[in-house]
Protein backbone atom coordinates (compact mmCIF):
# COMPACT_ATOMS: atom_id res chain seq x y z
CA MET A 1 0.07 -0.05 -0.06
CA ASN A 2 1.33 3.58 -1.12
CA ILE A 3 -0.59 6.03 1.09
CA TYR A 4 1.01 9.04 -0.80
CA ASN A 5 0.07 7.70 -4.14
CA ASP A 6 -3.48 7.25 -3.04
CA PHE A 7 -3.35 11.14 -1.93
CA LEU A 8 -2.50 11.87 -5.31
CA LYS A 9 -5.85 10.42 -6.97
CA LYS A 10 -8.04 13.21 -8.54
CA ARG A 11 -11.11 12.56 -6.29
CA LYS A 12 -11.67 14.65 -3.32
CA LYS A 13 -11.03 12.88 -0.08
CA PHE A 14 -12.04 12.97 3.57
CA ALA A 15 -10.21 11.74 6.46
CA ILE A 16 -11.29 11.77 10.24
CA LEU A 17 -9.25 12.34 13.07
CA VAL A 18 -9.24 9.98 16.21
CA ASP A 19 -7.90 11.52 19.16
CA PRO A 20 -6.57 8.53 21.63
CA ASP A 21 -7.26 11.30 24.65
CA LYS A 22 -11.09 11.58 23.68
CA ASN A 23 -12.43 8.31 22.79
CA SER A 24 -13.19 5.06 24.82
CA SER A 25 -12.23 1.44 23.34
CA GLU A 26 -15.90 1.30 22.50
CA ASP A 27 -15.99 4.81 20.76
CA THR A 28 -12.89 3.67 18.87
CA VAL A 29 -14.28 0.50 17.44
CA LYS A 30 -17.60 2.38 16.68
CA ILE A 31 -15.66 4.96 14.91
CA ALA A 32 -13.73 2.37 12.67
CA LYS A 33 -16.60 0.49 11.61
CA MET A 34 -18.77 3.70 10.67
CA ALA A 35 -15.84 5.23 8.75
CA GLU A 36 -15.68 1.99 6.82
CA ALA A 37 -19.34 1.96 6.16
CA ALA A 38 -19.06 5.32 4.75
CA ASN A 39 -16.06 4.78 2.50
CA VAL A 40 -13.73 7.40 4.47
CA ASP A 41 -10.84 7.39 2.71
CA PHE A 42 -8.09 7.81 5.84
CA ILE A 43 -8.08 7.86 9.54
CA PHE A 44 -5.68 10.10 11.11
CA VAL A 45 -4.42 9.46 14.52
CA GLY A 46 -3.00 11.77 16.77
CA GLY A 47 -3.05 14.53 19.49
CA SER A 48 -1.48 17.74 20.68
CA LEU A 49 -1.18 16.21 24.07
CA LEU A 50 -1.75 12.42 25.14
CA THR A 51 -2.61 11.85 28.93
CA ASN A 52 -3.10 8.25 28.83
CA ASP A 53 -1.65 5.32 27.37
CA ASN A 54 -4.21 4.78 24.49
CA PHE A 55 -2.18 5.81 21.46
CA GLU A 56 -0.82 2.44 20.35
CA SER A 57 -4.16 0.55 21.46
CA THR A 58 -6.28 3.06 19.80
CA ILE A 59 -4.53 2.34 16.48
CA LYS A 60 -4.52 -1.60 17.23
CA LEU A 61 -8.20 -1.32 17.54
CA LEU A 62 -8.85 0.91 14.37
CA LYS A 63 -6.80 -1.58 12.34
CA GLN A 64 -8.60 -4.69 13.80
CA ASN A 65 -11.95 -3.07 13.04
CA CYS A 66 -11.78 -1.54 9.49
CA SER A 67 -9.39 -1.71 6.28
CA LEU A 68 -9.05 1.80 6.19
CA PRO A 69 -5.20 3.55 6.25
CA VAL A 70 -4.37 4.70 9.40
CA VAL A 71 -2.01 7.91 9.06
CA ILE A 72 -0.34 8.97 12.33
CA PHE A 73 -0.91 12.82 12.84
CA PRO A 74 1.87 13.44 15.45
CA GLY A 75 1.39 15.82 18.33
CA ASN A 76 4.97 15.21 19.33
CA ASN A 77 7.91 13.01 18.30
CA MET A 78 6.51 10.19 20.83
CA GLN A 79 3.43 9.32 18.76
CA ILE A 80 5.12 6.94 16.63
CA SER A 81 3.93 3.23 16.04
CA ASN A 82 4.70 0.46 13.42
CA SER A 83 0.87 -0.59 13.96
CA ALA A 84 -0.06 2.30 11.66
CA ASP A 85 0.36 2.51 8.00
CA ALA A 86 2.03 5.94 7.55
CA ILE A 87 2.81 9.14 9.50
CA LEU A 88 2.94 12.72 8.31
CA LEU A 89 6.10 14.33 9.19
CA LEU A 90 4.87 17.49 10.45
CA SER A 91 7.20 20.50 10.02
CA LEU A 92 5.61 23.62 11.29
CA ILE A 93 6.49 26.13 8.74
CA SER A 94 4.02 28.68 9.64
CA GLY A 95 5.89 29.37 13.02
CA ARG A 96 9.53 30.15 13.86
CA ASN A 97 9.91 27.46 16.49
CA ALA A 98 13.06 25.37 15.67
CA GLU A 99 12.24 22.55 17.38
CA MET A 100 9.03 22.24 15.52
CA LEU A 101 10.75 22.97 12.07
CA ILE A 102 13.56 20.29 12.66
CA GLY A 103 14.44 19.95 16.46
CA LYS A 104 11.71 17.13 17.32
CA HIS A 105 12.30 15.59 13.87
CA MET A 106 16.08 14.83 14.51
CA ILE A 107 15.02 12.94 17.70
CA ALA A 108 12.46 10.82 16.16
CA ALA A 109 14.63 10.32 12.81
CA PRO A 110 16.41 7.05 13.98
CA VAL A 111 13.02 5.31 15.05
CA LEU A 112 11.22 6.24 11.91
CA LYS A 113 14.42 4.99 9.90
CA LYS A 114 13.86 1.73 11.25
CA SER A 115 10.31 1.79 11.35
CA SER A 116 7.84 0.01 8.60
CA LEU A 117 5.80 3.35 8.37
CA GLU A 118 5.45 5.21 5.14
CA ILE A 119 6.82 8.85 5.97
CA ILE A 120 5.18 11.66 4.21
CA PRO A 121 7.14 14.77 4.71
CA THR A 122 4.10 17.73 5.52
CA GLY A 123 4.26 21.43 5.60
CA TYR A 124 2.09 22.26 8.61
CA MET A 125 0.01 25.82 8.67
CA LEU A 126 -1.53 27.05 11.68
CA ILE A 127 -4.12 29.61 11.01
CA GLU A 128 -5.81 32.13 13.55
CA SER A 129 -9.10 30.64 14.14
CA GLY A 130 -10.47 33.00 16.96
CA LYS A 131 -9.55 30.86 19.90
CA TYR A 132 -6.18 30.00 21.47
CA THR A 133 -6.00 26.35 20.57
CA THR A 134 -3.79 23.38 22.25
CA ALA A 135 -1.89 23.14 19.20
CA LEU A 136 -0.96 26.80 19.49
CA TYR A 137 0.02 26.48 23.12
CA MET A 138 2.07 23.28 22.87
CA SER A 139 3.91 24.52 19.76
CA ASN A 140 4.51 27.86 21.18
CA SER A 141 3.94 29.62 17.57
CA THR A 142 2.01 32.20 16.36
CA PRO A 143 -0.64 31.59 13.71
CA ILE A 144 -0.95 33.19 10.29
CA PRO A 145 -3.76 35.78 10.68
CA SER A 146 -6.78 34.75 8.99
CA ASP A 147 -7.14 37.70 6.48
CA LYS A 148 -3.30 37.44 5.44
CA GLU A 149 -3.84 35.20 2.40
CA ASP A 150 -0.42 36.43 0.92
CA ILE A 151 1.55 35.32 3.76
CA ALA A 152 -0.23 31.86 3.74
CA VAL A 153 0.51 31.42 -0.14
CA CYS A 154 4.15 32.44 0.46
CA THR A 155 4.46 30.09 3.15
CA ALA A 156 3.08 27.32 1.55
CA ILE A 157 5.00 27.85 -1.90
CA ALA A 158 8.24 27.64 0.10
CA GLY A 159 7.09 24.57 1.95
CA GLU A 160 6.65 23.13 -1.60
CA MET A 161 9.97 24.17 -2.58
CA LEU A 162 11.73 22.63 0.41
CA GLY A 163 10.42 19.39 -1.04
CA LEU A 164 7.38 18.73 1.22
CA LYS A 165 4.75 16.55 -0.17
CA PHE A 166 1.93 18.01 1.51
CA ILE A 167 0.53 21.19 3.00
CA PHE A 168 -1.89 21.04 5.82
CA VAL A 169 -3.48 24.19 6.70
CA ASP A 170 -5.34 23.82 10.10
CA ALA A 171 -7.35 26.06 11.99
CA GLY A 172 -6.66 23.88 14.95
CA SER A 173 -8.97 21.39 17.14
CA GLY A 174 -12.13 23.14 18.30
CA ALA A 175 -11.50 26.26 16.02
CA ILE A 176 -14.35 28.88 16.41
CA ASN A 177 -13.60 30.03 12.85
CA PRO A 178 -12.27 27.61 9.94
CA VAL A 179 -9.61 28.34 7.51
CA PRO A 180 -11.01 31.07 5.22
CA LEU A 181 -12.26 29.94 1.88
CA PRO A 182 -10.21 32.70 -0.11
CA MET A 183 -7.15 31.48 1.80
CA ILE A 184 -8.00 27.91 0.70
CA SER A 185 -8.13 28.95 -2.94
CA LYS A 186 -5.34 31.23 -3.12
CA VAL A 187 -2.85 28.45 -1.65
CA LYS A 188 -4.03 25.68 -3.88
CA GLN A 189 -3.81 28.20 -6.98
CA ASN A 190 -0.28 28.62 -6.09
CA ILE A 191 1.18 24.86 -5.33
CA SER A 192 1.11 21.70 -7.08
CA ILE A 193 1.09 19.30 -3.92
CA PRO A 194 -2.02 17.99 -2.46
CA LEU A 195 -3.86 20.44 0.16
CA ILE A 196 -5.21 19.31 3.52
CA ILE A 197 -7.53 21.66 5.26
CA GLY A 198 -8.80 20.92 8.78
CA GLY A 199 -10.17 22.68 11.84
CA GLY A 200 -13.74 24.22 12.33
CA ILE A 201 -15.51 21.96 9.79
CA ARG A 202 -18.91 20.94 11.31
CA THR A 203 -21.06 20.17 8.41
CA PRO A 204 -21.21 18.61 5.11
CA GLU A 205 -21.90 21.81 3.45
CA LYS A 206 -18.89 23.33 5.10
CA ALA A 207 -16.83 20.39 3.96
CA VAL A 208 -17.86 21.07 0.33
CA GLU A 209 -17.14 24.61 0.56
CA ASP A 210 -13.69 23.85 1.24
CA CYS A 211 -13.19 21.32 -1.47
CA ARG A 212 -14.72 23.54 -4.08
CA ALA A 213 -12.39 26.37 -2.83
CA GLY A 214 -9.26 23.84 -3.44
CA ALA A 215 -8.90 21.44 -0.51
CA ASP A 216 -7.97 18.01 -1.80
CA VAL A 217 -8.53 16.41 1.57
CA VAL A 218 -10.87 17.81 4.48
CA VAL A 219 -9.98 16.30 7.88
CA VAL A 220 -12.94 16.33 10.71
CA GLY A 221 -12.20 15.58 14.45
CA ASN A 222 -14.05 17.33 16.84
CA ALA A 223 -17.48 17.74 15.02
CA ILE A 224 -17.65 13.60 14.85
CA GLU A 225 -16.91 13.08 18.46
CA LYS A 226 -19.89 14.97 19.10
CA ASN A 227 -22.01 13.35 16.48
CA PRO A 228 -20.64 10.41 14.70
CA GLU A 229 -23.47 10.55 12.16
CA LEU A 230 -21.48 13.04 10.37
CA ILE A 231 -18.97 10.52 9.30
CA SER A 232 -21.13 9.35 6.85
CA GLN A 233 -23.05 12.55 5.93
CA ILE A 234 -19.81 14.42 5.29
CA SER A 235 -18.12 11.53 3.48
CA LYS A 236 -20.76 11.35 1.23
CA ALA A 237 -20.75 15.09 0.42
CA VAL A 238 -17.04 15.33 0.01
CA HIS A 239 -17.19 12.31 -2.70
CA SER A 240 -20.10 13.99 -4.52
CA GLU A 241 -19.62 15.29 -7.87
CA ILE A 242 -20.45 18.89 -6.92
CA ALA A 243 -17.82 18.81 -4.30
CA SER A 244 -14.84 18.29 -7.20
CA VAL A 245 -16.28 21.35 -9.06
CA ARG A 246 -14.03 24.37 -8.78
């Protein structure tokens, strides 16, 4: 299985984000089965904080209960597991914290080198969302202002020029305001690699808007924790023909 090649396919894609801190074993099994039934494309696993020891067990439960690719969306360099299929090697290109640009990666590199994980270098960009999110606190960084599309565009272009394979633009977990549509559109117009959008997506309609603006993949976490039925609704919307129109 080559996860990156799957991301490159033309169809719009939907990923759900599972936070091991926020789901019981029963919840994880239910989510896995619902995600497969709804034809979700990927399951991302990770969180800014891990206050329990459920990271490895969460991934194993997901793999045992569905055949979907499980991709680690790491909050720190401790979130590595050979039980997953791939890992987004995140570089926080929107910030100026050297630890999040290369420091943590250096520590994780020997472990990742020996792992069976498919490693996908990803430029991670945090956008101001009207809320001081956990991601901002843990990364000790300043987000790109939501009305500064030019900064977002230049940052994304630089990420692609550095050889990163994805650009992940995120308003953060529990964002009040999602990534603005004009920002999504302008970033996508200026890069040739897949664009992932997350944070503040709460409805199928919003997911479709993001896809039409230029998102190749939309990621939803908080909303499905509150209402798991959104998994099938958003998946159907993202995979519809209308979501692909730009």
